[in-house]
Amino acid sequence: MTLHKGSSMAKYQYSEQGVSVKLKYNESPENLIKRFKKKFMKSGITQECRQRMFYEKPSDKRRRRRREGRNRILKELKKEQERNN
């Protein structure tokens, strides 16, 4: 599945097969698993699965996206204020 530019998860792309990582030279299995977990969480697959478990009305979807956007902006403002202090 390739996400399009208008998608909320456009910066994280994953293919039909899912997320994959290649073993780097002299890399421990623990680091490989850690990289995989990080990449998997950033891809948003688990979040998308949870959202698709039940039908979400378009009005509820818009409301949720608006709320998430507002929270994201507030979080960025809070970080910026902490940096300035």
PDB file of N, CA and C in Angstrom:
ATOM      1  N   MET A   1       0.850  -1.177   0.000  1.00  0.00           N
ATOM      2  CA  MET A   1       0.000   0.000   0.000  1.00  0.00           C
ATOM      3  C   MET A   1       0.883   1.224   0.000  1.00  0.00           C
ATOM      4  N   THR A   2       0.691   2.090  -0.938  1.00  0.00           N
ATOM      5  CA  THR A   2       1.430   3.335  -1.002  1.00  0.00           C
ATOM      6  C   THR A   2       0.483   4.463  -0.642  1.00  0.00           C
ATOM      7  N   LEU A   3       0.914   5.285   0.282  1.00  0.00           N
ATOM      8  CA  LEU A   3       0.082   6.389   0.729  1.00  0.00           C
ATOM      9  C   LEU A   3       0.303   7.587  -0.167  1.00  0.00           C
ATOM     10  N   HIS A   4      -0.754   8.323  -0.432  1.00  0.00           N
ATOM     11  CA  HIS A   4      -0.671   9.479  -1.297  1.00  0.00           C
ATOM     12  C   HIS A   4      -0.382  10.731  -0.489  1.00  0.00           C
ATOM     13  N   LYS A   5      -0.030  11.799  -1.177  1.00  0.00           N
ATOM     14  CA  LYS A   5       0.394  13.033  -0.531  1.00  0.00           C
ATOM     15  C   LYS A   5      -0.678  13.615   0.393  1.00  0.00           C
ATOM     16  N   GLY A   6      -1.928  13.496   0.055  1.00  0.00           N
ATOM     17  CA  GLY A   6      -3.001  14.061   0.859  1.00  0.00           C
ATOM     18  C   GLY A   6      -3.316  13.248   2.101  1.00  0.00           C
ATOM     19  N   SER A   7      -2.746  12.080   2.213  1.00  0.00           N
ATOM     20  CA  SER A   7      -3.023  11.215   3.342  1.00  0.00           C
ATOM     21  C   SER A   7      -2.394  11.763   4.611  1.00  0.00           C
ATOM     22  N   SER A   8      -2.996  11.428   5.754  1.00  0.00           N
ATOM     23  CA  SER A   8      -2.466  11.913   7.025  1.00  0.00           C
ATOM     24  C   SER A   8      -1.148  11.243   7.375  1.00  0.00           C
ATOM     25  N   MET A   9      -0.851  10.088   6.786  1.00  0.00           N
ATOM     26  CA  MET A   9       0.387   9.379   7.073  1.00  0.00           C
ATOM     27  C   MET A   9       1.297   9.368   5.848  1.00  0.00           C
ATOM     28  N   ALA A  10       1.282  10.438   5.068  1.00  0.00           N
ATOM     29  CA  ALA A  10       2.002  10.467   3.801  1.00  0.00           C
ATOM     30  C   ALA A  10       3.514  10.338   3.969  1.00  0.00           C
ATOM     31  N   LYS A  11       4.058  10.799   5.095  1.00  0.00           N
ATOM     32  CA  LYS A  11       5.506  10.745   5.223  1.00  0.00           C
ATOM     33  C   LYS A  11       6.011   9.341   5.539  1.00  0.00           C
ATOM     34  N   TYR A  12       5.121   8.421   5.893  1.00  0.00           N
ATOM     35  CA  TYR A  12       5.515   7.054   6.174  1.00  0.00           C
ATOM     36  C   TYR A  12       4.896   6.144   5.124  1.00  0.00           C
ATOM     37  N   GLN A  13       5.721   5.579   4.280  1.00  0.00           N
ATOM     38  CA  GLN A  13       5.211   4.714   3.231  1.00  0.00           C
ATOM     39  C   GLN A  13       5.565   3.269   3.550  1.00  0.00           C
ATOM     40  N   TYR A  14       4.642   2.384   3.261  1.00  0.00           N
ATOM     41  CA  TYR A  14       4.925   0.974   3.392  1.00  0.00           C
ATOM     42  C   TYR A  14       4.283   0.247   2.225  1.00  0.00           C
ATOM     43  N   SER A  15       4.867  -0.880   1.858  1.00  0.00           N
ATOM     44  CA  SER A  15       4.419  -1.596   0.678  1.00  0.00           C
ATOM     45  C   SER A  15       3.324  -2.603   1.047  1.00  0.00           C
ATOM     46  N   GLU A  16       2.855  -3.341   0.059  1.00  0.00           N
ATOM     47  CA  GLU A  16       1.834  -4.370   0.279  1.00  0.00           C
ATOM     48  C   GLU A  16       2.318  -5.434   1.263  1.00  0.00           C
ATOM     49  N   GLN A  17       3.614  -5.731   1.249  1.00  0.00           N
ATOM     50  CA  GLN A  17       4.158  -6.759   2.118  1.00  0.00           C
ATOM     51  C   GLN A  17       4.270  -6.272   3.561  1.00  0.00           C
ATOM     52  N   GLY A  18       4.316  -4.994   3.789  1.00  0.00           N
ATOM     53  CA  GLY A  18       4.462  -4.453   5.126  1.00  0.00           C
ATOM     54  C   GLY A  18       5.798  -3.766   5.292  1.00  0.00           C
ATOM     55  N   VAL A  19       6.245  -3.648   6.534  1.00  0.00           N
ATOM     56  CA  VAL A  19       7.485  -2.971   6.848  1.00  0.00           C
ATOM     57  C   VAL A  19       8.626  -3.985   6.815  1.00  0.00           C
ATOM     58  N   SER A  20       9.757  -3.569   6.269  1.00  0.00           N
ATOM     59  CA  SER A  20      10.899  -4.476   6.246  1.00  0.00           C
ATOM     60  C   SER A  20      12.168  -3.719   6.612  1.00  0.00           C
ATOM     61  N   VAL A  21      13.097  -4.422   7.228  1.00  0.00           N
ATOM     62  CA  VAL A  21      14.409  -3.871   7.551  1.00  0.00           C
ATOM     63  C   VAL A  21      15.455  -4.884   7.114  1.00  0.00           C
ATOM     64  N   LYS A  22      16.602  -4.380   6.684  1.00  0.00           N
ATOM     65  CA  LYS A  22      17.687  -5.259   6.269  1.00  0.00           C
ATOM     66  C   LYS A  22      18.762  -5.242   7.344  1.00  0.00           C
ATOM     67  N   LEU A  23      19.338  -6.388   7.567  1.00  0.00           N
ATOM     68  CA  LEU A  23      20.383  -6.530   8.563  1.00  0.00           C
ATOM     69  C   LEU A  23      21.625  -5.783   8.107  1.00  0.00           C
ATOM     70  N   LYS A  24      22.111  -4.861   8.938  1.00  0.00           N
ATOM     71  CA  LYS A  24      23.326  -4.118   8.620  1.00  0.00           C
ATOM     72  C   LYS A  24      24.535  -4.969   9.011  1.00  0.00           C
ATOM     73  N   TYR A  25      25.664  -4.637   8.434  1.00  0.00           N
ATOM     74  CA  TYR A  25      26.881  -5.380   8.716  1.00  0.00           C
ATOM     75  C   TYR A  25      27.206  -5.290  10.209  1.00  0.00           C
ATOM     76  N   ASN A  26      27.432  -6.445  10.817  1.00  0.00           N
ATOM     77  CA  ASN A  26      27.844  -6.550  12.216  1.00  0.00           C
ATOM     78  C   ASN A  26      26.804  -5.956  13.174  1.00  0.00           C
ATOM     79  N   GLU A  27      25.523  -6.086  12.844  1.00  0.00           N
ATOM     80  CA  GLU A  27      24.451  -5.555  13.692  1.00  0.00           C
ATOM     81  C   GLU A  27      23.879  -6.671  14.550  1.00  0.00           C
ATOM     82  N   SER A  28      23.629  -6.366  15.801  1.00  0.00           N
ATOM     83  CA  SER A  28      23.083  -7.379  16.705  1.00  0.00           C
ATOM     84  C   SER A  28      21.585  -7.571  16.425  1.00  0.00           C
ATOM     85  N   PRO A  29      21.062  -8.751  16.739  1.00  0.00           N
ATOM     86  CA  PRO A  29      19.620  -9.005  16.540  1.00  0.00           C
ATOM     87  C   PRO A  29      18.748  -8.045  17.357  1.00  0.00           C
ATOM     88  N   GLU A  30      19.227  -7.645  18.532  1.00  0.00           N
ATOM     89  CA  GLU A  30      18.456  -6.723  19.372  1.00  0.00           C
ATOM     90  C   GLU A  30      18.271  -5.375  18.671  1.00  0.00           C
ATOM     91  N   ASN A  31      19.353  -4.892  18.053  1.00  0.00           N
ATOM     92  CA  ASN A  31      19.257  -3.615  17.328  1.00  0.00           C
ATOM     93  C   ASN A  31      18.362  -3.736  16.104  1.00  0.00           C
ATOM     94  N   LEU A  32      18.418  -4.878  15.436  1.00  0.00           N
ATOM     95  CA  LEU A  32      17.572  -5.111  14.272  1.00  0.00           C
ATOM     96  C   LEU A  32      16.096  -5.069  14.678  1.00  0.00           C
ATOM     97  N   ILE A  33      15.776  -5.750  15.767  1.00  0.00           N
ATOM     98  CA  ILE A  33      14.390  -5.767  16.260  1.00  0.00           C
ATOM     99  C   ILE A  33      13.965  -4.361  16.684  1.00  0.00           C
ATOM    100  N   LYS A  34      14.866  -3.635  17.328  1.00  0.00           N
ATOM    101  CA  LYS A  34      14.570  -2.276  17.765  1.00  0.00           C
ATOM    102  C   LYS A  34      14.267  -1.370  16.571  1.00  0.00           C
ATOM    103  N   ARG A  35      15.079  -1.468  15.508  1.00  0.00           N
ATOM    104  CA  ARG A  35      14.840  -0.682  14.296  1.00  0.00           C
ATOM    105  C   ARG A  35      13.515  -1.057  13.651  1.00  0.00           C
ATOM    106  N   PHE A  36      13.222  -2.375  13.623  1.00  0.00           N
ATOM    107  CA  PHE A  36      11.964  -2.826  13.030  1.00  0.00           C
ATOM    108  C   PHE A  36      10.774  -2.270  13.796  1.00  0.00           C
ATOM    109  N   LYS A  37      10.808  -2.360  15.127  1.00  0.00           N
ATOM    110  CA  LYS A  37       9.701  -1.860  15.941  1.00  0.00           C
ATOM    111  C   LYS A  37       9.474  -0.372  15.708  1.00  0.00           C
ATOM    112  N   LYS A  38      10.573   0.373  15.660  1.00  0.00           N
ATOM    113  CA  LYS A  38      10.479   1.823  15.456  1.00  0.00           C
ATOM    114  C   LYS A  38       9.860   2.142  14.097  1.00  0.00           C
ATOM    115  N   LYS A  39      10.319   1.445  13.069  1.00  0.00           N
ATOM    116  CA  LYS A  39       9.807   1.662  11.719  1.00  0.00           C
ATOM    117  C   LYS A  39       8.336   1.251  11.628  1.00  0.00           C
ATOM    118  N   PHE A  40       7.982   0.156  12.286  1.00  0.00           N
ATOM    119  CA  PHE A  40       6.614  -0.342  12.292  1.00  0.00           C
ATOM    120  C   PHE A  40       5.672   0.649  12.969  1.00  0.00           C
ATOM    121  N   MET A  41       6.084   1.192  14.100  1.00  0.00           N
ATOM    122  CA  MET A  41       5.241   2.150  14.813  1.00  0.00           C
ATOM    123  C   MET A  41       5.077   3.440  13.998  1.00  0.00           C
ATOM    124  N   LYS A  42       6.144   3.896  13.346  1.00  0.00           N
ATOM    125  CA  LYS A  42       6.057   5.113  12.546  1.00  0.00           C
ATOM    126  C   LYS A  42       5.208   4.920  11.298  1.00  0.00           C
ATOM    127  N   SER A  43       5.107   3.690  10.806  1.00  0.00           N
ATOM    128  CA  SER A  43       4.322   3.453   9.598  1.00  0.00           C
ATOM    129  C   SER A  43       2.829   3.661   9.841  1.00  0.00           C
ATOM    130  N   GLY A  44       2.379   3.505  11.088  1.00  0.00           N
ATOM    131  CA  GLY A  44       0.984   3.733  11.416  1.00  0.00           C
ATOM    132  C   GLY A  44       0.077   2.547  11.109  1.00  0.00           C
ATOM    133  N   ILE A  45       0.643   1.381  10.881  1.00  0.00           N
ATOM    134  CA  ILE A  45      -0.154   0.199  10.539  1.00  0.00           C
ATOM    135  C   ILE A  45      -1.064  -0.187  11.696  1.00  0.00           C
ATOM    136  N   THR A  46      -0.523  -0.218  12.927  1.00  0.00           N
ATOM    137  CA  THR A  46      -1.343  -0.615  14.076  1.00  0.00           C
ATOM    138  C   THR A  46      -2.469   0.381  14.311  1.00  0.00           C
ATOM    139  N   GLN A  47      -2.163   1.663  14.174  1.00  0.00           N
ATOM    140  CA  GLN A  47      -3.178   2.696  14.369  1.00  0.00           C
ATOM    141  C   GLN A  47      -4.282   2.562  13.320  1.00  0.00           C
ATOM    142  N   GLU A  48      -3.891   2.308  12.084  1.00  0.00           N
ATOM    143  CA  GLU A  48      -4.871   2.155  11.009  1.00  0.00           C
ATOM    144  C   GLU A  48      -5.754   0.926  11.249  1.00  0.00           C
ATOM    145  N   CYS A  49      -5.163  -0.162  11.725  1.00  0.00           N
ATOM    146  CA  CYS A  49      -5.940  -1.374  12.015  1.00  0.00           C
ATOM    147  C   CYS A  49      -6.961  -1.118  13.115  1.00  0.00           C
ATOM    148  N   ARG A  50      -6.543  -0.397  14.155  1.00  0.00           N
ATOM    149  CA  ARG A  50      -7.476  -0.087  15.246  1.00  0.00           C
ATOM    150  C   ARG A  50      -8.627   0.771  14.743  1.00  0.00           C
ATOM    151  N   GLN A  51      -8.315   1.728  13.866  1.00  0.00           N
ATOM    152  CA  GLN A  51      -9.362   2.611  13.362  1.00  0.00           C
ATOM    153  C   GLN A  51     -10.314   1.863  12.438  1.00  0.00           C
ATOM    154  N   ARG A  52      -9.833   0.865  11.732  1.00  0.00           N
ATOM    155  CA  ARG A  52     -10.683   0.141  10.785  1.00  0.00           C
ATOM    156  C   ARG A  52     -11.475  -0.993  11.429  1.00  0.00           C
ATOM    157  N   MET A  53     -11.261  -1.238  12.718  1.00  0.00           N
ATOM    158  CA  MET A  53     -11.996  -2.305  13.397  1.00  0.00           C
ATOM    159  C   MET A  53     -13.504  -2.036  13.364  1.00  0.00           C
ATOM    160  N   PHE A  54     -13.856  -0.760  13.511  1.00  0.00           N
ATOM    161  CA  PHE A  54     -15.257  -0.371  13.526  1.00  0.00           C
ATOM    162  C   PHE A  54     -15.476   0.750  12.524  1.00  0.00           C
ATOM    163  N   TYR A  55     -16.681   0.848  12.025  1.00  0.00           N
ATOM    164  CA  TYR A  55     -17.012   1.905  11.081  1.00  0.00           C
ATOM    165  C   TYR A  55     -16.995   3.247  11.795  1.00  0.00           C
ATOM    166  N   GLU A  56     -16.423   4.235  11.159  1.00  0.00           N
ATOM    167  CA  GLU A  56     -16.403   5.588  11.707  1.00  0.00           C
ATOM    168  C   GLU A  56     -17.130   6.510  10.741  1.00  0.00           C
ATOM    169  N   LYS A  57     -18.154   7.168  11.248  1.00  0.00           N
ATOM    170  CA  LYS A  57     -18.922   8.061  10.392  1.00  0.00           C
ATOM    171  C   LYS A  57     -18.036   9.189   9.890  1.00  0.00           C
ATOM    172  N   PRO A  58     -18.313   9.691   8.677  1.00  0.00           N
ATOM    173  CA  PRO A  58     -17.501  10.782   8.140  1.00  0.00           C
ATOM    174  C   PRO A  58     -17.445  12.007   9.053  1.00  0.00           C
ATOM    175  N   SER A  59     -18.561  12.328   9.706  1.00  0.00           N
ATOM    176  CA  SER A  59     -18.562  13.489  10.608  1.00  0.00           C
ATOM    177  C   SER A  59     -17.655  13.240  11.811  1.00  0.00           C
ATOM    178  N   ASP A  60     -17.655  12.007  12.336  1.00  0.00           N
ATOM    179  CA  ASP A  60     -16.778  11.665  13.457  1.00  0.00           C
ATOM    180  C   ASP A  60     -15.318  11.669  13.023  1.00  0.00           C
ATOM    181  N   LYS A  61     -15.069  11.250  11.792  1.00  0.00           N
ATOM    182  CA  LYS A  61     -13.709  11.237  11.263  1.00  0.00           C
ATOM    183  C   LYS A  61     -13.174  12.670  11.155  1.00  0.00           C
ATOM    184  N   ARG A  62     -14.013  13.577  10.630  1.00  0.00           N
ATOM    185  CA  ARG A  62     -13.603  14.978  10.528  1.00  0.00           C
ATOM    186  C   ARG A  62     -13.343  15.564  11.913  1.00  0.00           C
ATOM    187  N   ARG A  63     -14.213  15.262  12.855  1.00  0.00           N
ATOM    188  CA  ARG A  63     -14.071  15.764  14.217  1.00  0.00           C
ATOM    189  C   ARG A  63     -12.782  15.245  14.857  1.00  0.00           C
ATOM    190  N   ARG A  64     -12.489  13.960  14.651  1.00  0.00           N
ATOM    191  CA  ARG A  64     -11.271  13.360  15.206  1.00  0.00           C
ATOM    192  C   ARG A  64     -10.027  13.991  14.594  1.00  0.00           C
ATOM    193  N   ARG A  65     -10.027  14.165  13.267  1.00  0.00           N
ATOM    194  CA  ARG A  65      -8.869  14.759  12.603  1.00  0.00           C
ATOM    195  C   ARG A  65      -8.648  16.204  13.041  1.00  0.00           C
ATOM    196  N   ARG A  66      -9.735  16.948  13.215  1.00  0.00           N
ATOM    197  CA  ARG A  66      -9.629  18.322  13.695  1.00  0.00           C
ATOM    198  C   ARG A  66      -9.026  18.349  15.103  1.00  0.00           C
ATOM    199  N   ARG A  67      -9.503  17.444  15.961  1.00  0.00           N
ATOM    200  CA  ARG A  67      -9.008  17.369  17.333  1.00  0.00           C
ATOM    201  C   ARG A  67      -7.524  16.987  17.357  1.00  0.00           C
ATOM    202  N   GLU A  68      -7.136  16.003  16.515  1.00  0.00           N
ATOM    203  CA  GLU A  68      -5.733  15.592  16.443  1.00  0.00           C
ATOM    204  C   GLU A  68      -4.852  16.737  15.955  1.00  0.00           C
ATOM    205  N   GLY A  69      -5.315  17.483  14.973  1.00  0.00           N
ATOM    206  CA  GLY A  69      -4.562  18.623  14.470  1.00  0.00           C
ATOM    207  C   GLY A  69      -4.384  19.697  15.524  1.00  0.00           C
ATOM    208  N   ARG A  70      -5.457  19.968  16.265  1.00  0.00           N
ATOM    209  CA  ARG A  70      -5.396  20.955  17.332  1.00  0.00           C
ATOM    210  C   ARG A  70      -4.398  20.518  18.398  1.00  0.00           C
ATOM    211  N   ASN A  71      -4.446  19.244  18.773  1.00  0.00           N
ATOM    212  CA  ASN A  71      -3.515  18.729  19.780  1.00  0.00           C
ATOM    213  C   ASN A  71      -2.075  18.797  19.289  1.00  0.00           C
ATOM    214  N   ARG A  72      -1.864  18.525  18.015  1.00  0.00           N
ATOM    215  CA  ARG A  72      -0.515  18.571  17.444  1.00  0.00           C
ATOM    216  C   ARG A  72       0.036  20.003  17.494  1.00  0.00           C
ATOM    217  N   ILE A  73      -0.814  20.978  17.143  1.00  0.00           N
ATOM    218  CA  ILE A  73      -0.393  22.374  17.166  1.00  0.00           C
ATOM    219  C   ILE A  73      -0.092  22.816  18.593  1.00  0.00           C
ATOM    220  N   LEU A  74      -0.953  22.446  19.551  1.00  0.00           N
ATOM    221  CA  LEU A  74      -0.721  22.817  20.949  1.00  0.00           C
ATOM    222  C   LEU A  74       0.577  22.207  21.475  1.00  0.00           C
ATOM    223  N   LYS A  75       0.855  20.985  21.077  1.00  0.00           N
ATOM    224  CA  LYS A  75       2.073  20.310  21.500  1.00  0.00           C
ATOM    225  C   LYS A  75       3.308  21.036  20.955  1.00  0.00           C
ATOM    226  N   GLU A  76       3.254  21.453  19.684  1.00  0.00           N
ATOM    227  CA  GLU A  76       4.361  22.185  19.080  1.00  0.00           C
ATOM    228  C   GLU A  76       4.562  23.542  19.761  1.00  0.00           C
ATOM    229  N   LEU A  77       3.466  24.232  20.076  1.00  0.00           N
ATOM    230  CA  LEU A  77       3.560  25.524  20.760  1.00  0.00           C
ATOM    231  C   LEU A  77       4.171  25.360  22.149  1.00  0.00           C
ATOM    232  N   LYS A  78       3.776  24.297  22.832  1.00  0.00           N
ATOM    233  CA  LYS A  78       4.302  24.039  24.171  1.00  0.00           C
ATOM    234  C   LYS A  78       5.806  23.779  24.117  1.00  0.00           C
ATOM    235  N   LYS A  79       6.250  22.991  23.140  1.00  0.00           N
ATOM    236  CA  LYS A  79       7.678  22.714  22.983  1.00  0.00           C
ATOM    237  C   LYS A  79       8.448  23.994  22.671  1.00  0.00           C
ATOM    238  N   GLU A  80       7.863  24.834  21.819  1.00  0.00           N
ATOM    239  CA  GLU A  80       8.508  26.089  21.435  1.00  0.00           C
ATOM    240  C   GLU A  80       8.635  27.016  22.645  1.00  0.00           C
ATOM    241  N   GLN A  81       7.610  27.076  23.480  1.00  0.00           N
ATOM    242  CA  GLN A  81       7.656  27.907  24.683  1.00  0.00           C
ATOM    243  C   GLN A  81       8.704  27.396  25.659  1.00  0.00           C
ATOM    244  N   GLU A  82       8.839  26.069  25.796  1.00  0.00           N
ATOM    245  CA  GLU A  82       9.838  25.496  26.680  1.00  0.00           C
ATOM    246  C   GLU A  82      11.245  25.819  26.201  1.00  0.00           C
ATOM    247  N   ARG A  83      11.446  25.825  24.875  1.00  0.00           N
ATOM    248  CA  ARG A  83      12.756  26.158  24.321  1.00  0.00           C
ATOM    249  C   ARG A  83      13.108  27.613  24.570  1.00  0.00           C
ATOM    250  N   ASN A  84      12.110  28.498  24.506  1.00  0.00           N
ATOM    251  CA  ASN A  84      12.344  29.930  24.686  1.00  0.00           C
ATOM    252  C   ASN A  84      12.602  30.303  26.150  1.00  0.00           C
ATOM    253  N   ASN A  85      12.138  29.495  27.072  1.00  0.00           N
ATOM    254  CA  ASN A  85      12.323  29.815  28.503  1.00  0.00           C
ATOM    255  C   ASN A  85      13.607  29.329  29.002  1.00  0.00           C
TER     256      ASN A  85
END
